[in-house]
Amino acid sequence: MTSGTILLASKSPVRRTLLARAGVSFAVEDSAVDESEVKASFFASAQGETNYAALLDSAKGAAAELAWLKAVRVAQRFPAARVIAADQIFISSKHREPLSKPRDLQEAKEQLRGLSGAEATLITAAIVVRGEDDGTPTRLWGVIETPRAVFRDFSAAEADVVWRLQGEDSLHAAGSCCLEGAGVRLLAQLDGDAFTFLGLPLIALLNFLRIEGLD
């Protein structure tokens, strides 16, 4: 694998689509990182925390660590490649805890209903590393962005319409809300970069790739 090879360490179909539509040439490699263990360690001290800022700090740490671990896991297998990895954690002001991807469609329905009237911060971390022959990747770039979504007050029936429209796509979205699809019907306001809401700080990433001559 050559030094100009770009790998995306992500199973997310949305991230793959964003990067491909931006004209970046890349291949996909799954990192197989267990996200639950990392999140549990970061949020253990924040259980029952009523300070929203403290929860956000824990989420930033967890997202950054997960992005790093995903990148490292892939870079160790492919020396010289540039590896892009990202992670997003959905924190709702109502739930006071991170909302993960739903385990099944019934949980997705419950999560969507619970977003009525909520404000949510989507902590999004992205990183680029270079694989090295000694197995210790070099960090080249990284960013954490915190866009905010405000959900309008909506009924359970309205949430169920979105749930049916999303179908199994709900299973790939933290909080079960696909902002790139029918989930947008539940929003009152978005503050932040549209691409970051979808899971990848694309503009900042493309600027880095351009500077590095990798775009």
Protein backbone atom coordinates (compact mmCIF):
# COMPACT_ATOMS: atom_id res chain seq x y z
CA MET A 1 0.00 0.00 0.00
CA THR A 2 1.45 3.36 -1.04
CA SER A 3 1.95 6.44 1.12
CA GLY A 4 -0.87 8.23 -0.70
CA THR A 5 -3.47 5.58 0.08
CA ILE A 6 -6.42 6.83 2.12
CA LEU A 7 -8.41 4.44 4.29
CA LEU A 8 -11.67 5.20 6.06
CA ALA A 9 -11.91 3.32 9.35
CA SER A 10 -15.69 3.38 9.51
CA LYS A 11 -18.71 1.17 8.87
CA SER A 12 -20.94 4.25 8.57
CA PRO A 13 -22.66 4.37 5.16
CA VAL A 14 -23.25 8.11 5.63
CA ARG A 15 -19.54 8.86 6.16
CA ARG A 16 -18.63 6.77 3.14
CA THR A 17 -21.16 8.64 1.02
CA LEU A 18 -20.01 12.08 2.19
CA LEU A 19 -16.38 11.34 1.42
CA ALA A 20 -17.10 9.72 -1.94
CA ARG A 21 -19.35 12.56 -3.11
CA ALA A 22 -16.59 15.01 -2.24
CA GLY A 23 -14.42 13.24 -4.81
CA VAL A 24 -11.94 11.65 -2.40
CA SER A 25 -10.46 8.32 -3.46
CA PHE A 26 -10.40 5.92 -0.53
CA ALA A 27 -10.97 2.36 0.62
CA VAL A 28 -12.94 1.21 3.67
CA GLU A 29 -11.48 -0.86 6.50
CA ASP A 30 -13.49 -1.75 9.59
CA SER A 31 -11.62 -1.08 12.84
CA ALA A 32 -13.70 -3.55 14.90
CA VAL A 33 -13.25 -1.39 18.02
CA ASP A 34 -15.62 -2.17 20.90
CA GLU A 35 -17.16 1.25 21.50
CA SER A 36 -19.21 0.21 24.52
CA GLU A 37 -16.18 -0.38 26.75
CA VAL A 38 -14.65 3.01 25.97
CA LYS A 39 -17.91 4.87 26.51
CA ALA A 40 -18.54 3.04 29.77
CA SER A 41 -15.14 4.08 31.12
CA PHE A 42 -15.62 7.75 30.23
CA PHE A 43 -19.19 8.03 31.47
CA ALA A 44 -18.85 5.95 34.64
CA SER A 45 -17.89 9.00 36.68
CA ALA A 46 -20.66 11.07 35.09
CA GLN A 47 -23.55 8.76 35.98
CA GLY A 48 -26.30 10.78 37.58
CA GLU A 49 -24.51 13.98 36.62
CA THR A 50 -26.92 16.91 36.31
CA ASN A 51 -24.28 19.30 35.00
CA TYR A 52 -24.78 19.26 31.24
CA ALA A 53 -21.34 20.81 30.64
CA ALA A 54 -19.69 17.97 32.56
CA LEU A 55 -21.52 15.41 30.44
CA LEU A 56 -20.35 17.16 27.30
CA ASP A 57 -16.74 17.09 28.53
CA SER A 58 -17.01 13.32 29.09
CA ALA A 59 -18.50 12.91 25.63
CA LYS A 60 -15.69 14.90 24.01
CA GLY A 61 -13.12 12.69 25.70
CA ALA A 62 -14.90 9.51 24.68
CA ALA A 63 -15.39 10.60 21.05
CA ALA A 64 -11.74 11.65 20.70
CA GLU A 65 -10.51 8.39 22.22
CA LEU A 66 -12.75 6.28 20.01
CA ALA A 67 -11.68 8.10 16.84
CA TRP A 68 -8.03 7.56 17.82
CA LEU A 69 -8.51 3.86 18.62
CA LYS A 70 -10.32 3.24 15.33
CA ALA A 71 -7.58 4.97 13.36
CA VAL A 72 -4.79 3.18 15.20
CA ARG A 73 -6.37 -0.25 14.80
CA VAL A 74 -6.49 0.14 11.01
CA ALA A 75 -3.15 1.97 10.65
CA GLN A 76 -1.33 -0.85 12.42
CA ARG A 77 -2.47 -3.18 9.64
CA PHE A 78 -1.53 -0.79 6.82
CA PRO A 79 1.81 0.98 7.31
CA ALA A 80 2.22 4.18 5.24
CA ALA A 81 -1.52 4.58 4.63
CA ARG A 82 -3.39 7.66 5.79
CA VAL A 83 -6.29 6.55 7.94
CA ILE A 84 -9.38 8.67 8.59
CA ALA A 85 -11.53 7.81 11.59
CA ALA A 86 -14.41 9.52 13.33
CA ASP A 87 -16.86 9.07 16.16
CA GLN A 88 -20.03 10.87 17.16
CA ILE A 89 -21.81 10.90 20.52
CA PHE A 90 -25.36 12.18 20.87
CA ILE A 91 -26.11 13.93 24.19
CA SER A 92 -29.71 14.94 24.86
CA SER A 93 -30.56 17.65 27.38
CA LYS A 94 -33.62 15.61 28.41
CA HIS A 95 -31.91 12.27 28.93
CA ARG A 96 -28.71 13.60 30.54
CA GLU A 97 -26.82 10.64 29.12
CA PRO A 98 -25.42 9.61 25.75
CA LEU A 99 -27.89 8.06 23.34
CA SER A 100 -26.29 5.22 21.42
CA LYS A 101 -27.45 3.57 18.24
CA PRO A 102 -30.60 1.55 18.99
CA ARG A 103 -30.32 -2.19 19.45
CA ASP A 104 -33.50 -2.83 17.47
CA LEU A 105 -36.36 -1.02 15.76
CA GLN A 106 -38.52 -0.97 18.88
CA GLU A 107 -35.80 0.88 20.79
CA ALA A 108 -35.43 3.22 17.81
CA LYS A 109 -39.12 4.10 18.05
CA GLU A 110 -38.79 4.84 21.78
CA GLN A 111 -35.68 6.98 21.26
CA LEU A 112 -37.37 9.05 18.56
CA ARG A 113 -40.43 9.67 20.72
CA GLY A 114 -38.17 10.78 23.56
CA LEU A 115 -36.58 13.55 21.48
CA SER A 116 -39.69 15.73 21.49
CA GLY A 117 -38.77 19.18 22.83
CA ALA A 118 -35.15 18.18 23.47
CA GLU A 119 -31.91 19.95 22.69
CA ALA A 120 -29.06 17.72 21.64
CA THR A 121 -25.35 18.18 21.11
CA LEU A 122 -23.67 15.88 18.61
CA ILE A 123 -20.05 15.68 19.74
CA THR A 124 -18.11 14.71 16.63
CA ALA A 125 -14.41 13.82 16.62
CA ALA A 126 -12.34 13.10 13.52
CA ILE A 127 -8.69 12.22 13.11
CA VAL A 128 -6.14 11.34 10.45
CA VAL A 129 -3.12 9.20 11.25
CA ARG A 130 -0.29 7.72 9.20
CA GLY A 131 0.65 4.09 9.61
CA GLU A 132 4.29 3.44 10.47
CA ASP A 133 6.52 0.38 10.03
CA ASP A 134 7.09 0.11 13.79
CA GLY A 135 3.35 -0.23 14.42
CA THR A 136 3.01 3.13 16.22
CA PRO A 137 0.90 5.43 14.01
CA THR A 138 1.62 9.15 13.77
CA ARG A 139 -1.23 11.58 14.41
CA LEU A 140 -1.42 14.06 11.53
CA TRP A 141 -4.63 15.97 12.20
CA GLY A 142 -7.68 15.99 14.41
CA VAL A 143 -10.72 18.06 15.33
CA ILE A 144 -13.72 17.97 17.67
CA GLU A 145 -16.88 19.84 16.70
CA THR A 146 -20.07 20.24 18.75
CA PRO A 147 -23.08 21.13 16.58
CA ARG A 148 -26.44 21.49 18.33
CA ALA A 149 -29.89 20.33 17.28
CA VAL A 150 -33.16 21.63 18.73
CA PHE A 151 -36.14 19.33 18.32
CA ARG A 152 -39.62 20.78 18.15
CA ASP A 153 -42.43 19.53 20.35
CA PHE A 154 -43.96 16.68 18.39
CA SER A 155 -46.44 13.93 19.08
CA ALA A 156 -45.74 10.21 19.34
CA ALA A 157 -47.71 9.78 16.12
CA GLU A 158 -45.40 12.22 14.30
CA ALA A 159 -42.34 10.39 15.63
CA ASP A 160 -43.79 7.09 14.45
CA VAL A 161 -44.22 8.46 10.92
CA VAL A 162 -40.52 9.33 10.85
CA TRP A 163 -39.68 5.93 12.33
CA ARG A 164 -41.55 4.16 9.52
CA LEU A 165 -39.95 6.34 6.85
CA GLN A 166 -36.46 5.73 8.20
CA GLY A 167 -36.90 1.99 8.51
CA GLU A 168 -33.68 0.15 9.31
CA ASP A 169 -31.66 3.32 8.70
CA SER A 170 -32.65 4.21 12.28
CA LEU A 171 -30.31 1.47 13.49
CA HIS A 172 -27.27 3.35 12.14
CA ALA A 173 -28.01 6.68 13.86
CA ALA A 174 -27.22 7.65 17.43
CA GLY A 175 -30.51 8.73 18.96
CA SER A 176 -32.26 6.96 16.05
CA CYS A 177 -32.76 10.24 14.18
CA CYS A 178 -31.45 10.26 10.60
CA LEU A 179 -30.85 13.94 9.99
CA GLU A 180 -29.92 13.23 6.37
CA GLY A 181 -33.40 11.77 5.85
CA ALA A 182 -36.83 11.84 7.42
CA GLY A 183 -35.46 12.80 10.84
CA VAL A 184 -35.16 16.39 9.66
CA ARG A 185 -38.97 16.62 9.94
CA LEU A 186 -38.64 16.63 13.73
CA LEU A 187 -36.23 19.57 13.94
CA ALA A 188 -36.85 23.17 14.93
CA GLN A 189 -33.27 24.43 14.54
CA LEU A 190 -29.72 23.38 13.73
CA ASP A 191 -26.63 25.25 14.88
CA GLY A 192 -23.43 24.07 13.26
CA ASP A 193 -21.94 22.56 10.13
CA ALA A 194 -24.39 20.36 8.22
CA PHE A 195 -21.79 17.71 7.37
CA THR A 196 -20.70 17.41 10.99
CA PHE A 197 -24.30 16.69 11.97
CA LEU A 198 -24.10 13.69 9.67
CA GLY A 199 -20.98 12.37 11.42
CA LEU A 200 -17.98 13.84 9.60
CA PRO A 201 -16.44 17.37 9.81
CA LEU A 202 -16.05 17.24 6.07
CA ILE A 203 -14.98 20.82 5.32
CA ALA A 204 -12.17 20.79 7.89
CA LEU A 205 -11.09 17.33 6.74
CA LEU A 206 -11.01 18.32 3.06
CA ASN A 207 -8.93 21.39 3.89
CA PHE A 208 -6.39 19.17 5.62
CA LEU A 209 -6.29 16.67 2.74
CA ARG A 210 -5.80 19.52 0.26
CA ILE A 211 -2.86 20.96 2.22
CA GLU A 212 -1.32 17.49 2.38
CA GLY A 213 -1.84 16.96 -1.34
CA LEU A 214 -4.15 14.01 -0.72
CA ASP A 215 -7.37 15.35 -2.16
